[in-house]
Amino acid sequence: MKSDVAIQLLADVLWNALLISGPLLAATLLVGLIVSVVQVVTQVQEMSLTYIPKIVVAIVVLVAFGPWMLKRLLAFSANLINSIPSYF
């Protein structure tokens, strides 16, 4: 029975990690792909061209989704801490 609880906790942790990091990873991946295609088409191979748009998009996504990410993380943490006595 204890292993079921551990597996459920691990599943919850992984699911929340995926949900919290998903918007940031998806946005930077999309921007990186677009920049790479533009670099291939124009044959401009400047290294700073790949990093600067990703950093800008990451900042924008963190500003836009930051409150939701923090709220989700705090809710999960509070739920986990409050349920500690039920595990013993």
C-alpha atoms as a PDB file:
ATOM      1  CA  MET A   1       0.000   0.000   0.000  1.00  0.00           C
ATOM      2  CA  LYS A   2       2.899   2.370   0.699  1.00  0.00           C
ATOM      3  CA  SER A   3       4.326   1.781  -2.771  1.00  0.00           C
ATOM      4  CA  ASP A   4       0.984   2.830  -4.304  1.00  0.00           C
ATOM      5  CA  VAL A   5       1.219   6.133  -2.457  1.00  0.00           C
ATOM      6  CA  ALA A   6       4.813   6.638  -3.602  1.00  0.00           C
ATOM      7  CA  ILE A   7       3.897   5.911  -7.213  1.00  0.00           C
ATOM      8  CA  GLN A   8       0.940   8.279  -7.023  1.00  0.00           C
ATOM      9  CA  LEU A   9       3.133  11.015  -5.525  1.00  0.00           C
ATOM     10  CA  LEU A  10       5.720  10.516  -8.246  1.00  0.00           C
ATOM     11  CA  ALA A  11       3.040  10.699 -10.922  1.00  0.00           C
ATOM     12  CA  ASP A  12       1.669  13.910  -9.395  1.00  0.00           C
ATOM     13  CA  VAL A  13       5.142  15.455  -9.222  1.00  0.00           C
ATOM     14  CA  LEU A  14       5.919  14.595 -12.840  1.00  0.00           C
ATOM     15  CA  TRP A  15       2.530  15.794 -14.077  1.00  0.00           C
ATOM     16  CA  ASN A  16       2.858  19.117 -12.238  1.00  0.00           C
ATOM     17  CA  ALA A  17       6.434  19.561 -13.468  1.00  0.00           C
ATOM     18  CA  LEU A  18       5.238  19.007 -17.027  1.00  0.00           C
ATOM     19  CA  LEU A  19       2.353  21.458 -16.645  1.00  0.00           C
ATOM     20  CA  ILE A  20       4.461  24.134 -14.986  1.00  0.00           C
ATOM     21  CA  SER A  21       7.392  23.957 -17.394  1.00  0.00           C
ATOM     22  CA  GLY A  22       5.332  23.234 -20.508  1.00  0.00           C
ATOM     23  CA  PRO A  23       4.482  26.762 -21.665  1.00  0.00           C
ATOM     24  CA  LEU A  24       8.066  27.976 -21.300  1.00  0.00           C
ATOM     25  CA  LEU A  25       9.571  24.960 -23.035  1.00  0.00           C
ATOM     26  CA  ALA A  26       7.010  24.986 -25.856  1.00  0.00           C
ATOM     27  CA  ALA A  27       7.460  28.691 -26.557  1.00  0.00           C
ATOM     28  CA  THR A  28      11.258  28.563 -26.609  1.00  0.00           C
ATOM     29  CA  LEU A  29      11.173  25.426 -28.752  1.00  0.00           C
ATOM     30  CA  LEU A  30       8.864  27.071 -31.272  1.00  0.00           C
ATOM     31  CA  VAL A  31      10.973  30.235 -31.425  1.00  0.00           C
ATOM     32  CA  GLY A  32      14.158  28.189 -31.773  1.00  0.00           C
ATOM     33  CA  LEU A  33      12.634  26.240 -34.638  1.00  0.00           C
ATOM     34  CA  ILE A  34      11.498  29.392 -36.415  1.00  0.00           C
ATOM     35  CA  VAL A  35      14.899  31.051 -35.986  1.00  0.00           C
ATOM     36  CA  SER A  36      16.651  27.928 -37.263  1.00  0.00           C
ATOM     37  CA  VAL A  37      14.472  27.826 -40.360  1.00  0.00           C
ATOM     38  CA  VAL A  38      15.134  31.520 -40.999  1.00  0.00           C
ATOM     39  CA  GLN A  39      18.872  30.920 -40.585  1.00  0.00           C
ATOM     40  CA  VAL A  40      18.817  28.033 -43.043  1.00  0.00           C
ATOM     41  CA  VAL A  41      16.825  29.996 -45.610  1.00  0.00           C
ATOM     42  CA  THR A  42      18.933  33.156 -45.346  1.00  0.00           C
ATOM     43  CA  GLN A  43      22.228  31.326 -44.692  1.00  0.00           C
ATOM     44  CA  VAL A  44      22.974  33.661 -41.788  1.00  0.00           C
ATOM     45  CA  GLN A  45      24.769  31.599 -39.149  1.00  0.00           C
ATOM     46  CA  GLU A  46      25.081  34.098 -36.312  1.00  0.00           C
ATOM     47  CA  MET A  47      25.113  32.409 -32.893  1.00  0.00           C
ATOM     48  CA  SER A  48      23.609  35.343 -31.002  1.00  0.00           C
ATOM     49  CA  LEU A  49      20.631  35.243 -33.344  1.00  0.00           C
ATOM     50  CA  THR A  50      19.530  31.964 -31.761  1.00  0.00           C
ATOM     51  CA  TYR A  51      19.847  33.020 -28.111  1.00  0.00           C
ATOM     52  CA  ILE A  52      18.402  36.524 -28.028  1.00  0.00           C
ATOM     53  CA  PRO A  53      14.894  35.665 -29.347  1.00  0.00           C
ATOM     54  CA  LYS A  54      14.686  32.661 -27.017  1.00  0.00           C
ATOM     55  CA  ILE A  55      15.617  34.801 -24.006  1.00  0.00           C
ATOM     56  CA  VAL A  56      13.080  37.462 -24.959  1.00  0.00           C
ATOM     57  CA  VAL A  57      10.321  34.890 -25.439  1.00  0.00           C
ATOM     58  CA  ALA A  58      11.246  33.156 -22.175  1.00  0.00           C
ATOM     59  CA  ILE A  59      10.938  36.454 -20.294  1.00  0.00           C
ATOM     60  CA  VAL A  60       7.589  37.223 -21.943  1.00  0.00           C
ATOM     61  CA  VAL A  61       6.243  33.746 -21.155  1.00  0.00           C
ATOM     62  CA  LEU A  62       7.446  33.949 -17.551  1.00  0.00           C
ATOM     63  CA  VAL A  63       5.764  37.329 -17.120  1.00  0.00           C
ATOM     64  CA  ALA A  64       2.549  36.083 -18.727  1.00  0.00           C
ATOM     65  CA  PHE A  65       2.359  32.620 -17.140  1.00  0.00           C
ATOM     66  CA  GLY A  66       4.409  33.261 -13.993  1.00  0.00           C
ATOM     67  CA  PRO A  67       1.466  33.874 -11.659  1.00  0.00           C
ATOM     68  CA  TRP A  68      -0.306  30.734 -12.892  1.00  0.00           C
ATOM     69  CA  MET A  69       2.883  28.677 -12.553  1.00  0.00           C
ATOM     70  CA  LEU A  70       3.458  29.937  -9.017  1.00  0.00           C
ATOM     71  CA  LYS A  71      -0.178  29.353  -8.029  1.00  0.00           C
ATOM     72  CA  ARG A  72      -0.028  25.792  -9.368  1.00  0.00           C
ATOM     73  CA  LEU A  73       3.253  25.083  -7.579  1.00  0.00           C
ATOM     74  CA  LEU A  74       2.015  26.540  -4.289  1.00  0.00           C
ATOM     75  CA  ALA A  75      -1.239  24.575  -4.466  1.00  0.00           C
ATOM     76  CA  PHE A  76       0.640  21.345  -5.102  1.00  0.00           C
ATOM     77  CA  SER A  77       3.127  22.049  -2.315  1.00  0.00           C
ATOM     78  CA  ALA A  78       0.409  22.955   0.177  1.00  0.00           C
ATOM     79  CA  ASN A  79      -1.553  19.826  -0.706  1.00  0.00           C
ATOM     80  CA  LEU A  80       1.564  17.693  -0.324  1.00  0.00           C
ATOM     81  CA  ILE A  81       2.500  19.204   3.035  1.00  0.00           C
ATOM     82  CA  ASN A  82      -1.051  18.950   4.379  1.00  0.00           C
ATOM     83  CA  SER A  83      -1.282  15.283   3.392  1.00  0.00           C
ATOM     84  CA  ILE A  84       1.947  14.226   5.142  1.00  0.00           C
ATOM     85  CA  PRO A  85       0.144  12.964   8.301  1.00  0.00           C
ATOM     86  CA  SER A  86      -2.030  10.642   6.212  1.00  0.00           C
ATOM     87  CA  TYR A  87       1.048   8.815   4.940  1.00  0.00           C
ATOM     88  CA  PHE A  88       1.905   7.424   8.382  1.00  0.00           C
END
